[in-house]
Amino acid sequence: MAYWGEAMSLWHQIWDRPNEATLKSGLALVQQAQKAGAKTQRERGYINALAQFYQNYMKASFETRVAAYSKAMAKLHETYPQDHEAAVFSALSLLAAAPPRDTTLGNQRKALAVLNDQFAIVPDHPGVAHYIIHSCDSPQMAAEGLKAAQLYGEFAPSAPHAAHMPGQFLRGSACGRMT
């Protein structure tokens, strides 16, 4: 799982389209994770989902690969509904797969629904609050992320990213997702 974690950390899903060098490194890490052998089927699910993003990067488009990753994460979340991390990463994958010019904000709304379900169960989970805020990073949805933004500043006060989000949100924009 450490190799999976390294590969995950190379791709900044909300604002990044990794370059070829990063994709090559990520693929090598995912392959190492697959070779090392996960201890559980759940762990294999995480690794294989991420492989959907990194594999075939030379042939498949970013959109195709991120959609495949998101679909795999949704299946993992469906298979392990009590796994809060699977829910959070599934929601994050929806944000990553959101079409940049989609005015319906369909993926953001789906992500918010997943995250709000988690917020009701684990309201102090920093990842849940963080991605609620990012899901609502548009004028149309800003009000829906206000509660999470206010709480995030309270339970993650020492995290620099968390410290600026509530204030930004209260002024009408969260972190400014790049498109």
N, C-alpha and C. Protein backbone atom coordinates (compact mmCIF):
# COMPACT_ATOMS: atom_id res chain seq x y z
N MET A 1 0.82 -1.20 0.00
CA MET A 1 0.00 0.00 0.00
C MET A 1 0.86 1.25 0.00
N ALA A 2 2.09 1.15 0.46
CA ALA A 2 2.97 2.32 0.44
C ALA A 2 3.24 2.75 -1.00
N TYR A 3 3.41 1.80 -1.90
CA TYR A 3 3.61 2.14 -3.32
C TYR A 3 2.36 2.83 -3.87
N TRP A 4 1.19 2.32 -3.49
CA TRP A 4 -0.07 2.95 -3.91
C TRP A 4 -0.10 4.40 -3.41
N GLY A 5 0.25 4.60 -2.14
CA GLY A 5 0.25 5.94 -1.57
C GLY A 5 1.19 6.88 -2.30
N GLU A 6 2.36 6.38 -2.67
CA GLU A 6 3.29 7.21 -3.42
C GLU A 6 2.71 7.58 -4.78
N ALA A 7 2.12 6.60 -5.45
CA ALA A 7 1.52 6.85 -6.77
C ALA A 7 0.35 7.82 -6.65
N MET A 8 -0.45 7.70 -5.60
CA MET A 8 -1.57 8.63 -5.38
C MET A 8 -1.04 10.05 -5.18
N SER A 9 0.06 10.18 -4.47
CA SER A 9 0.57 11.52 -4.15
C SER A 9 1.16 12.23 -5.37
N LEU A 10 1.42 11.51 -6.43
CA LEU A 10 1.96 12.13 -7.65
C LEU A 10 0.89 12.85 -8.46
N TRP A 11 -0.34 12.44 -8.30
CA TRP A 11 -1.44 12.99 -9.11
C TRP A 11 -2.31 13.87 -8.22
N HIS A 12 -2.31 15.14 -8.44
CA HIS A 12 -3.13 16.09 -7.69
C HIS A 12 -4.45 16.23 -8.44
N GLN A 13 -5.39 15.39 -8.07
CA GLN A 13 -6.58 15.13 -8.88
C GLN A 13 -7.44 16.34 -9.20
N ILE A 14 -7.51 17.29 -8.33
CA ILE A 14 -8.42 18.40 -8.57
C ILE A 14 -7.85 19.41 -9.56
N TRP A 15 -6.56 19.56 -9.60
CA TRP A 15 -6.02 20.62 -10.44
C TRP A 15 -4.90 20.19 -11.37
N ASP A 16 -4.62 18.91 -11.50
CA ASP A 16 -3.42 18.51 -12.21
C ASP A 16 -3.70 17.51 -13.32
N ARG A 17 -3.00 17.69 -14.40
CA ARG A 17 -2.90 16.68 -15.45
C ARG A 17 -1.42 16.34 -15.53
N PRO A 18 -1.04 15.24 -14.91
CA PRO A 18 0.38 14.92 -14.80
C PRO A 18 1.08 14.83 -16.16
N ASN A 19 2.35 15.25 -16.16
CA ASN A 19 3.14 15.14 -17.38
C ASN A 19 3.63 13.70 -17.56
N GLU A 20 4.28 13.45 -18.67
CA GLU A 20 4.70 12.08 -18.99
C GLU A 20 5.64 11.49 -17.95
N ALA A 21 6.57 12.29 -17.45
CA ALA A 21 7.50 11.78 -16.44
C ALA A 21 6.76 11.35 -15.17
N THR A 22 5.78 12.13 -14.76
CA THR A 22 5.00 11.79 -13.57
C THR A 22 4.16 10.54 -13.82
N LEU A 23 3.56 10.46 -15.00
CA LEU A 23 2.76 9.27 -15.34
C LEU A 23 3.63 8.02 -15.36
N LYS A 24 4.81 8.13 -15.90
CA LYS A 24 5.73 6.99 -15.94
C LYS A 24 6.10 6.55 -14.53
N SER A 25 6.40 7.51 -13.67
CA SER A 25 6.73 7.19 -12.27
C SER A 25 5.54 6.57 -11.56
N GLY A 26 4.36 7.14 -11.77
CA GLY A 26 3.15 6.61 -11.14
C GLY A 26 2.86 5.19 -11.58
N LEU A 27 3.02 4.93 -12.87
CA LEU A 27 2.79 3.58 -13.38
C LEU A 27 3.78 2.60 -12.75
N ALA A 28 5.04 2.99 -12.66
CA ALA A 28 6.04 2.10 -12.05
C ALA A 28 5.68 1.79 -10.59
N LEU A 29 5.20 2.80 -9.87
CA LEU A 29 4.82 2.59 -8.47
C LEU A 29 3.60 1.67 -8.36
N VAL A 30 2.61 1.87 -9.21
CA VAL A 30 1.42 1.01 -9.20
C VAL A 30 1.82 -0.44 -9.52
N GLN A 31 2.71 -0.59 -10.49
CA GLN A 31 3.17 -1.94 -10.84
C GLN A 31 3.92 -2.58 -9.69
N GLN A 32 4.72 -1.79 -8.96
CA GLN A 32 5.39 -2.31 -7.77
C GLN A 32 4.37 -2.74 -6.72
N ALA A 33 3.33 -1.94 -6.55
CA ALA A 33 2.28 -2.29 -5.59
C ALA A 33 1.60 -3.59 -5.99
N GLN A 34 1.33 -3.74 -7.28
CA GLN A 34 0.69 -4.97 -7.75
C GLN A 34 1.60 -6.17 -7.54
N LYS A 35 2.89 -6.02 -7.81
CA LYS A 35 3.84 -7.12 -7.63
C LYS A 35 4.04 -7.47 -6.16
N ALA A 36 4.04 -6.46 -5.30
CA ALA A 36 4.25 -6.70 -3.87
C ALA A 36 3.12 -7.53 -3.28
N GLY A 37 1.94 -7.42 -3.88
CA GLY A 37 0.81 -8.21 -3.41
C GLY A 37 0.14 -7.59 -2.20
N ALA A 38 -1.08 -7.20 -2.39
CA ALA A 38 -1.86 -6.62 -1.31
C ALA A 38 -2.31 -7.73 -0.36
N LYS A 39 -2.50 -7.37 0.89
CA LYS A 39 -2.91 -8.35 1.90
C LYS A 39 -4.39 -8.68 1.82
N THR A 40 -5.19 -7.76 1.29
CA THR A 40 -6.64 -7.98 1.25
C THR A 40 -7.18 -7.63 -0.13
N GLN A 41 -8.37 -8.11 -0.39
CA GLN A 41 -9.05 -7.77 -1.65
C GLN A 41 -9.34 -6.28 -1.71
N ARG A 42 -9.66 -5.68 -0.58
CA ARG A 42 -9.91 -4.24 -0.52
C ARG A 42 -8.68 -3.46 -0.96
N GLU A 43 -7.52 -3.84 -0.44
CA GLU A 43 -6.28 -3.18 -0.84
C GLU A 43 -6.01 -3.37 -2.32
N ARG A 44 -6.26 -4.57 -2.84
CA ARG A 44 -6.10 -4.81 -4.28
C ARG A 44 -7.04 -3.90 -5.07
N GLY A 45 -8.22 -3.66 -4.54
CA GLY A 45 -9.17 -2.77 -5.20
C GLY A 45 -8.64 -1.36 -5.33
N TYR A 46 -8.03 -0.85 -4.26
CA TYR A 46 -7.43 0.50 -4.32
C TYR A 46 -6.31 0.55 -5.37
N ILE A 47 -5.45 -0.44 -5.32
CA ILE A 47 -4.31 -0.47 -6.25
C ILE A 47 -4.78 -0.60 -7.69
N ASN A 48 -5.70 -1.51 -7.92
CA ASN A 48 -6.17 -1.73 -9.29
C ASN A 48 -6.98 -0.55 -9.82
N ALA A 49 -7.67 0.15 -8.94
CA ALA A 49 -8.39 1.35 -9.38
C ALA A 49 -7.40 2.40 -9.86
N LEU A 50 -6.35 2.62 -9.09
CA LEU A 50 -5.36 3.61 -9.49
C LEU A 50 -4.63 3.20 -10.76
N ALA A 51 -4.46 1.91 -10.94
CA ALA A 51 -3.84 1.41 -12.18
C ALA A 51 -4.64 1.86 -13.39
N GLN A 52 -5.95 1.98 -13.23
CA GLN A 52 -6.80 2.43 -14.34
C GLN A 52 -6.39 3.82 -14.83
N PHE A 53 -5.88 4.63 -13.94
CA PHE A 53 -5.45 5.96 -14.34
C PHE A 53 -4.07 5.93 -15.00
N TYR A 54 -3.14 5.19 -14.42
CA TYR A 54 -1.76 5.23 -14.91
C TYR A 54 -1.50 4.34 -16.12
N GLN A 55 -2.19 3.21 -16.20
CA GLN A 55 -1.88 2.30 -17.32
C GLN A 55 -2.36 2.89 -18.64
N ASN A 56 -1.69 2.55 -19.68
CA ASN A 56 -2.03 3.00 -21.04
C ASN A 56 -1.98 4.51 -21.20
N TYR A 57 -1.21 5.21 -20.38
CA TYR A 57 -1.18 6.67 -20.49
C TYR A 57 -0.63 7.14 -21.83
N MET A 58 0.13 6.29 -22.51
CA MET A 58 0.68 6.68 -23.82
C MET A 58 -0.39 6.61 -24.91
N LYS A 59 -1.44 5.81 -24.69
CA LYS A 59 -2.45 5.60 -25.73
C LYS A 59 -3.81 6.22 -25.40
N ALA A 60 -4.22 6.12 -24.17
CA ALA A 60 -5.55 6.59 -23.77
C ALA A 60 -5.50 8.04 -23.29
N SER A 61 -6.55 8.77 -23.57
CA SER A 61 -6.62 10.18 -23.16
C SER A 61 -6.74 10.29 -21.64
N PHE A 62 -6.42 11.46 -21.14
CA PHE A 62 -6.60 11.76 -19.73
C PHE A 62 -8.05 11.50 -19.33
N GLU A 63 -8.98 12.01 -20.11
CA GLU A 63 -10.41 11.86 -19.80
C GLU A 63 -10.82 10.40 -19.70
N THR A 64 -10.33 9.58 -20.62
CA THR A 64 -10.66 8.15 -20.60
C THR A 64 -10.10 7.48 -19.35
N ARG A 65 -8.86 7.80 -19.03
CA ARG A 65 -8.21 7.17 -17.88
C ARG A 65 -8.81 7.63 -16.55
N VAL A 66 -9.12 8.92 -16.43
CA VAL A 66 -9.69 9.41 -15.17
C VAL A 66 -11.12 8.89 -15.00
N ALA A 67 -11.86 8.73 -16.10
CA ALA A 67 -13.20 8.14 -16.01
C ALA A 67 -13.13 6.68 -15.58
N ALA A 68 -12.15 5.95 -16.09
CA ALA A 68 -11.98 4.54 -15.69
C ALA A 68 -11.61 4.45 -14.21
N TYR A 69 -10.73 5.33 -13.76
CA TYR A 69 -10.37 5.37 -12.34
C TYR A 69 -11.59 5.68 -11.49
N SER A 70 -12.37 6.67 -11.89
CA SER A 70 -13.55 7.05 -11.13
C SER A 70 -14.56 5.91 -11.05
N LYS A 71 -14.74 5.23 -12.15
CA LYS A 71 -15.65 4.08 -12.17
C LYS A 71 -15.16 2.98 -11.23
N ALA A 72 -13.86 2.73 -11.24
CA ALA A 72 -13.29 1.71 -10.34
C ALA A 72 -13.43 2.12 -8.88
N MET A 73 -13.25 3.42 -8.60
CA MET A 73 -13.40 3.89 -7.21
C MET A 73 -14.86 3.80 -6.77
N ALA A 74 -15.78 4.08 -7.67
CA ALA A 74 -17.20 3.96 -7.33
C ALA A 74 -17.53 2.51 -6.99
N LYS A 75 -16.97 1.58 -7.75
CA LYS A 75 -17.20 0.15 -7.47
C LYS A 75 -16.59 -0.24 -6.13
N LEU A 76 -15.40 0.27 -5.84
CA LEU A 76 -14.77 -0.02 -4.54
C LEU A 76 -15.63 0.50 -3.40
N HIS A 77 -16.14 1.72 -3.56
CA HIS A 77 -17.02 2.30 -2.53
C HIS A 77 -18.30 1.48 -2.39
N GLU A 78 -18.83 1.02 -3.50
CA GLU A 78 -20.04 0.19 -3.46
C GLU A 78 -19.76 -1.15 -2.78
N THR A 79 -18.59 -1.71 -3.02
CA THR A 79 -18.22 -3.00 -2.43
C THR A 79 -17.95 -2.87 -0.93
N TYR A 80 -17.40 -1.74 -0.53
CA TYR A 80 -17.05 -1.50 0.88
C TYR A 80 -17.73 -0.23 1.38
N PRO A 81 -19.04 -0.26 1.55
CA PRO A 81 -19.76 0.97 1.90
C PRO A 81 -19.40 1.54 3.28
N GLN A 82 -18.83 0.73 4.15
CA GLN A 82 -18.43 1.22 5.48
C GLN A 82 -17.04 1.84 5.48
N ASP A 83 -16.35 1.77 4.35
CA ASP A 83 -14.99 2.29 4.22
C ASP A 83 -15.07 3.79 3.90
N HIS A 84 -14.84 4.61 4.91
CA HIS A 84 -14.92 6.06 4.72
C HIS A 84 -13.92 6.56 3.68
N GLU A 85 -12.74 5.95 3.66
CA GLU A 85 -11.72 6.39 2.71
C GLU A 85 -12.13 6.07 1.28
N ALA A 86 -12.75 4.93 1.06
CA ALA A 86 -13.23 4.59 -0.28
C ALA A 86 -14.27 5.61 -0.74
N ALA A 87 -15.11 6.02 0.18
CA ALA A 87 -16.12 7.04 -0.16
C ALA A 87 -15.45 8.36 -0.53
N VAL A 88 -14.49 8.78 0.29
CA VAL A 88 -13.81 10.05 0.04
C VAL A 88 -13.05 10.01 -1.28
N PHE A 89 -12.31 8.94 -1.52
CA PHE A 89 -11.55 8.85 -2.77
C PHE A 89 -12.47 8.69 -3.97
N SER A 90 -13.60 8.05 -3.78
CA SER A 90 -14.58 7.95 -4.87
C SER A 90 -15.11 9.34 -5.23
N ALA A 91 -15.44 10.12 -4.22
CA ALA A 91 -15.92 11.49 -4.45
C ALA A 91 -14.83 12.34 -5.10
N LEU A 92 -13.61 12.22 -4.62
CA LEU A 92 -12.50 12.97 -5.21
C LEU A 92 -12.32 12.59 -6.68
N SER A 93 -12.49 11.32 -6.99
CA SER A 93 -12.35 10.89 -8.38
C SER A 93 -13.42 11.50 -9.27
N LEU A 94 -14.61 11.71 -8.71
CA LEU A 94 -15.66 12.39 -9.48
C LEU A 94 -15.26 13.83 -9.79
N LEU A 95 -14.63 14.48 -8.83
CA LEU A 95 -14.16 15.85 -9.08
C LEU A 95 -13.07 15.86 -10.14
N ALA A 96 -12.19 14.88 -10.07
CA ALA A 96 -11.11 14.79 -11.06
C ALA A 96 -11.67 14.54 -12.46
N ALA A 97 -12.74 13.78 -12.53
CA ALA A 97 -13.33 13.40 -13.83
C ALA A 97 -14.35 14.42 -14.34
N ALA A 98 -14.61 15.45 -13.57
CA ALA A 98 -15.62 16.44 -13.98
C ALA A 98 -15.19 17.16 -15.26
N PRO A 99 -16.05 17.16 -16.25
CA PRO A 99 -15.72 17.92 -17.46
C PRO A 99 -15.57 19.40 -17.12
N PRO A 100 -14.49 20.03 -17.58
CA PRO A 100 -14.21 21.42 -17.18
C PRO A 100 -15.30 22.42 -17.52
N ARG A 101 -16.04 22.19 -18.55
CA ARG A 101 -17.04 23.18 -18.99
C ARG A 101 -18.48 22.71 -18.72
N ASP A 102 -18.64 21.76 -17.82
CA ASP A 102 -19.97 21.23 -17.50
C ASP A 102 -20.70 22.21 -16.58
N THR A 103 -21.64 22.95 -17.13
CA THR A 103 -22.37 23.94 -16.34
C THR A 103 -23.41 23.31 -15.41
N THR A 104 -23.71 22.02 -15.60
CA THR A 104 -24.65 21.35 -14.70
C THR A 104 -23.98 20.96 -13.38
N LEU A 105 -22.66 20.91 -13.38
CA LEU A 105 -21.88 20.51 -12.21
C LEU A 105 -22.30 19.12 -11.72
N GLY A 106 -22.60 18.25 -12.67
CA GLY A 106 -23.10 16.91 -12.34
C GLY A 106 -22.16 16.11 -11.46
N ASN A 107 -20.88 16.06 -11.82
CA ASN A 107 -19.94 15.29 -11.01
C ASN A 107 -19.76 15.91 -9.63
N GLN A 108 -19.73 17.23 -9.58
CA GLN A 108 -19.58 17.89 -8.29
C GLN A 108 -20.78 17.58 -7.38
N ARG A 109 -21.96 17.55 -7.97
CA ARG A 109 -23.17 17.24 -7.18
C ARG A 109 -23.16 15.78 -6.71
N LYS A 110 -22.70 14.87 -7.57
CA LYS A 110 -22.58 13.46 -7.16
C LYS A 110 -21.56 13.31 -6.04
N ALA A 111 -20.42 14.00 -6.20
CA ALA A 111 -19.39 13.94 -5.15
C ALA A 111 -19.94 14.49 -3.84
N LEU A 112 -20.64 15.60 -3.92
CA LEU A 112 -21.21 16.20 -2.71
C LEU A 112 -22.19 15.25 -2.03
N ALA A 113 -22.99 14.54 -2.79
CA ALA A 113 -23.94 13.59 -2.19
C ALA A 113 -23.19 12.49 -1.42
N VAL A 114 -22.14 11.95 -2.02
CA VAL A 114 -21.33 10.92 -1.34
C VAL A 114 -20.72 11.49 -0.07
N LEU A 115 -20.16 12.68 -0.20
CA LEU A 115 -19.48 13.29 0.94
C LEU A 115 -20.45 13.72 2.04
N ASN A 116 -21.61 14.21 1.68
CA ASN A 116 -22.60 14.56 2.71
C ASN A 116 -23.05 13.35 3.49
N ASP A 117 -23.18 12.20 2.82
CA ASP A 117 -23.50 10.96 3.53
C ASP A 117 -22.41 10.65 4.57
N GLN A 118 -21.16 10.83 4.17
CA GLN A 118 -20.05 10.59 5.08
C GLN A 118 -19.99 11.64 6.19
N PHE A 119 -20.28 12.88 5.85
CA PHE A 119 -20.25 13.98 6.82
C PHE A 119 -21.23 13.71 7.96
N ALA A 120 -22.36 13.08 7.65
CA ALA A 120 -23.34 12.74 8.68
C ALA A 120 -22.80 11.67 9.63
N ILE A 121 -21.90 10.82 9.13
CA ILE A 121 -21.35 9.72 9.92
C ILE A 121 -20.06 10.14 10.64
N VAL A 122 -19.18 10.83 9.91
CA VAL A 122 -17.88 11.23 10.47
C VAL A 122 -17.67 12.73 10.21
N PRO A 123 -18.36 13.58 10.97
CA PRO A 123 -18.30 15.03 10.71
C PRO A 123 -16.93 15.65 10.98
N ASP A 124 -16.05 14.93 11.68
CA ASP A 124 -14.73 15.48 11.96
C ASP A 124 -13.64 14.87 11.08
N HIS A 125 -14.03 14.20 10.01
CA HIS A 125 -13.06 13.61 9.07
C HIS A 125 -12.54 14.74 8.17
N PRO A 126 -11.26 15.07 8.26
CA PRO A 126 -10.77 16.20 7.47
C PRO A 126 -10.92 16.03 5.96
N GLY A 127 -10.76 14.81 5.46
CA GLY A 127 -10.92 14.58 4.02
C GLY A 127 -12.34 14.83 3.56
N VAL A 128 -13.30 14.45 4.36
CA VAL A 128 -14.70 14.65 4.00
C VAL A 128 -14.99 16.15 3.88
N ALA A 129 -14.64 16.89 4.92
CA ALA A 129 -14.88 18.34 4.88
C ALA A 129 -14.11 19.01 3.75
N HIS A 130 -12.87 18.62 3.59
CA HIS A 130 -12.02 19.21 2.55
C HIS A 130 -12.65 19.04 1.17
N TYR A 131 -13.09 17.85 0.85
CA TYR A 131 -13.63 17.61 -0.50
C TYR A 131 -15.06 18.09 -0.65
N ILE A 132 -15.78 18.26 0.46
CA ILE A 132 -17.07 18.96 0.36
C ILE A 132 -16.80 20.38 -0.13
N ILE A 133 -15.81 21.01 0.47
CA ILE A 133 -15.48 22.38 0.09
C ILE A 133 -15.10 22.44 -1.38
N HIS A 134 -14.25 21.52 -1.83
CA HIS A 134 -13.86 21.51 -3.23
C HIS A 134 -15.04 21.17 -4.16
N SER A 135 -15.93 20.32 -3.70
CA SER A 135 -17.13 20.00 -4.50
C SER A 135 -17.98 21.24 -4.72
N CYS A 136 -17.98 22.12 -3.74
CA CYS A 136 -18.82 23.32 -3.77
C CYS A 136 -18.07 24.56 -4.23
N ASP A 137 -16.98 24.36 -4.91
CA ASP A 137 -16.14 25.47 -5.34
C ASP A 137 -16.68 26.12 -6.62
N SER A 138 -17.90 26.59 -6.52
CA SER A 138 -18.55 27.32 -7.61
C SER A 138 -19.61 28.21 -6.97
N PRO A 139 -19.92 29.32 -7.59
CA PRO A 139 -20.94 30.19 -7.00
C PRO A 139 -22.29 29.50 -6.83
N GLN A 140 -22.63 28.60 -7.75
CA GLN A 140 -23.92 27.91 -7.68
C GLN A 140 -24.01 26.98 -6.47
N MET A 141 -22.89 26.46 -5.99
CA MET A 141 -22.93 25.47 -4.93
C MET A 141 -22.28 25.96 -3.63
N ALA A 142 -21.76 27.16 -3.60
CA ALA A 142 -20.99 27.64 -2.45
C ALA A 142 -21.73 27.49 -1.13
N ALA A 143 -22.99 27.83 -1.09
CA ALA A 143 -23.75 27.77 0.16
C ALA A 143 -23.81 26.35 0.72
N GLU A 144 -23.77 25.35 -0.16
CA GLU A 144 -23.85 23.96 0.29
C GLU A 144 -22.59 23.49 0.99
N GLY A 145 -21.50 24.23 0.86
CA GLY A 145 -20.25 23.85 1.51
C GLY A 145 -19.89 24.67 2.72
N LEU A 146 -20.74 25.61 3.06
CA LEU A 146 -20.42 26.55 4.15
C LEU A 146 -20.23 25.85 5.50
N LYS A 147 -21.12 24.94 5.86
CA LYS A 147 -21.00 24.27 7.15
C LYS A 147 -19.69 23.49 7.24
N ALA A 148 -19.35 22.77 6.17
CA ALA A 148 -18.09 22.02 6.17
C ALA A 148 -16.90 22.97 6.27
N ALA A 149 -16.96 24.09 5.59
CA ALA A 149 -15.86 25.06 5.63
C ALA A 149 -15.67 25.61 7.04
N GLN A 150 -16.76 25.91 7.71
CA GLN A 150 -16.67 26.44 9.07
C GLN A 150 -16.08 25.39 10.02
N LEU A 151 -16.53 24.15 9.92
CA LEU A 151 -16.03 23.09 10.79
C LEU A 151 -14.59 22.72 10.47
N TYR A 152 -14.24 22.76 9.21
CA TYR A 152 -12.88 22.39 8.79
C TYR A 152 -11.85 23.26 9.48
N GLY A 153 -12.09 24.53 9.54
CA GLY A 153 -11.17 25.44 10.22
C GLY A 153 -11.04 25.14 11.70
N GLU A 154 -12.08 24.57 12.29
CA GLU A 154 -12.05 24.24 13.72
C GLU A 154 -11.26 22.97 14.00
N PHE A 155 -11.45 21.91 13.21
CA PHE A 155 -10.79 20.66 13.56
C PHE A 155 -9.49 20.41 12.83
N ALA A 156 -9.09 21.31 11.95
CA ALA A 156 -7.77 21.19 11.32
C ALA A 156 -7.07 22.55 11.33
N PRO A 157 -7.00 23.21 12.49
CA PRO A 157 -6.49 24.58 12.53
C PRO A 157 -5.01 24.71 12.19
N SER A 158 -4.24 23.65 12.35
CA SER A 158 -2.80 23.77 12.09
C SER A 158 -2.42 23.42 10.65
N ALA A 159 -3.38 22.98 9.86
CA ALA A 159 -3.09 22.67 8.46
C ALA A 159 -3.21 23.95 7.64
N PRO A 160 -2.12 24.39 7.01
CA PRO A 160 -2.18 25.66 6.27
C PRO A 160 -3.29 25.71 5.22
N HIS A 161 -3.49 24.63 4.50
CA HIS A 161 -4.54 24.62 3.48
C HIS A 161 -5.91 24.79 4.15
N ALA A 162 -6.10 24.11 5.26
CA ALA A 162 -7.37 24.21 5.98
C ALA A 162 -7.59 25.60 6.54
N ALA A 163 -6.52 26.24 6.96
CA ALA A 163 -6.65 27.56 7.57
C ALA A 163 -7.21 28.60 6.61
N HIS A 164 -6.87 28.52 5.34
CA HIS A 164 -7.36 29.54 4.42
C HIS A 164 -8.73 29.22 3.84
N MET A 165 -9.14 27.97 3.84
CA MET A 165 -10.39 27.61 3.17
C MET A 165 -11.63 28.24 3.77
N PRO A 166 -11.82 28.22 5.10
CA PRO A 166 -13.04 28.85 5.62
C PRO A 166 -13.14 30.32 5.27
N GLY A 167 -12.05 31.05 5.37
CA GLY A 167 -12.09 32.47 5.05
C GLY A 167 -12.39 32.71 3.58
N GLN A 168 -11.78 31.94 2.71
CA GLN A 168 -12.03 32.06 1.29
C GLN A 168 -13.50 31.76 0.99
N PHE A 169 -14.00 30.74 1.65
CA PHE A 169 -15.37 30.32 1.40
C PHE A 169 -16.34 31.39 1.84
N LEU A 170 -16.07 31.98 2.98
CA LEU A 170 -16.96 33.02 3.50
C LEU A 170 -16.96 34.27 2.62
N ARG A 171 -15.87 34.46 1.88
CA ARG A 171 -15.81 35.59 0.94
C ARG A 171 -16.39 35.25 -0.41
N GLY A 172 -16.87 34.00 -0.60
CA GLY A 172 -17.57 33.68 -1.81
C GLY A 172 -16.86 32.78 -2.81
N SER A 173 -15.64 32.39 -2.52
CA SER A 173 -14.97 31.42 -3.39
C SER A 173 -14.07 30.57 -2.53
N ALA A 174 -14.05 29.30 -2.84
CA ALA A 174 -13.16 28.41 -2.09
C ALA A 174 -11.77 28.50 -2.72
N CYS A 175 -11.23 27.41 -3.14
CA CYS A 175 -9.83 27.39 -3.54
C CYS A 175 -9.57 27.66 -5.01
N GLY A 176 -10.60 27.90 -5.78
CA GLY A 176 -10.37 28.25 -7.18
C GLY A 176 -9.89 27.11 -8.03
N ARG A 177 -10.70 26.08 -8.17
CA ARG A 177 -10.34 24.92 -8.99
C ARG A 177 -9.90 25.37 -10.37
N MET A 178 -8.77 24.86 -10.78
CA MET A 178 -8.27 25.21 -12.11
C MET A 178 -8.96 24.33 -13.15
N THR A 179 -9.31 24.90 -14.27
CA THR A 179 -9.92 24.13 -15.35
C THR A 179 -9.11 24.28 -16.60
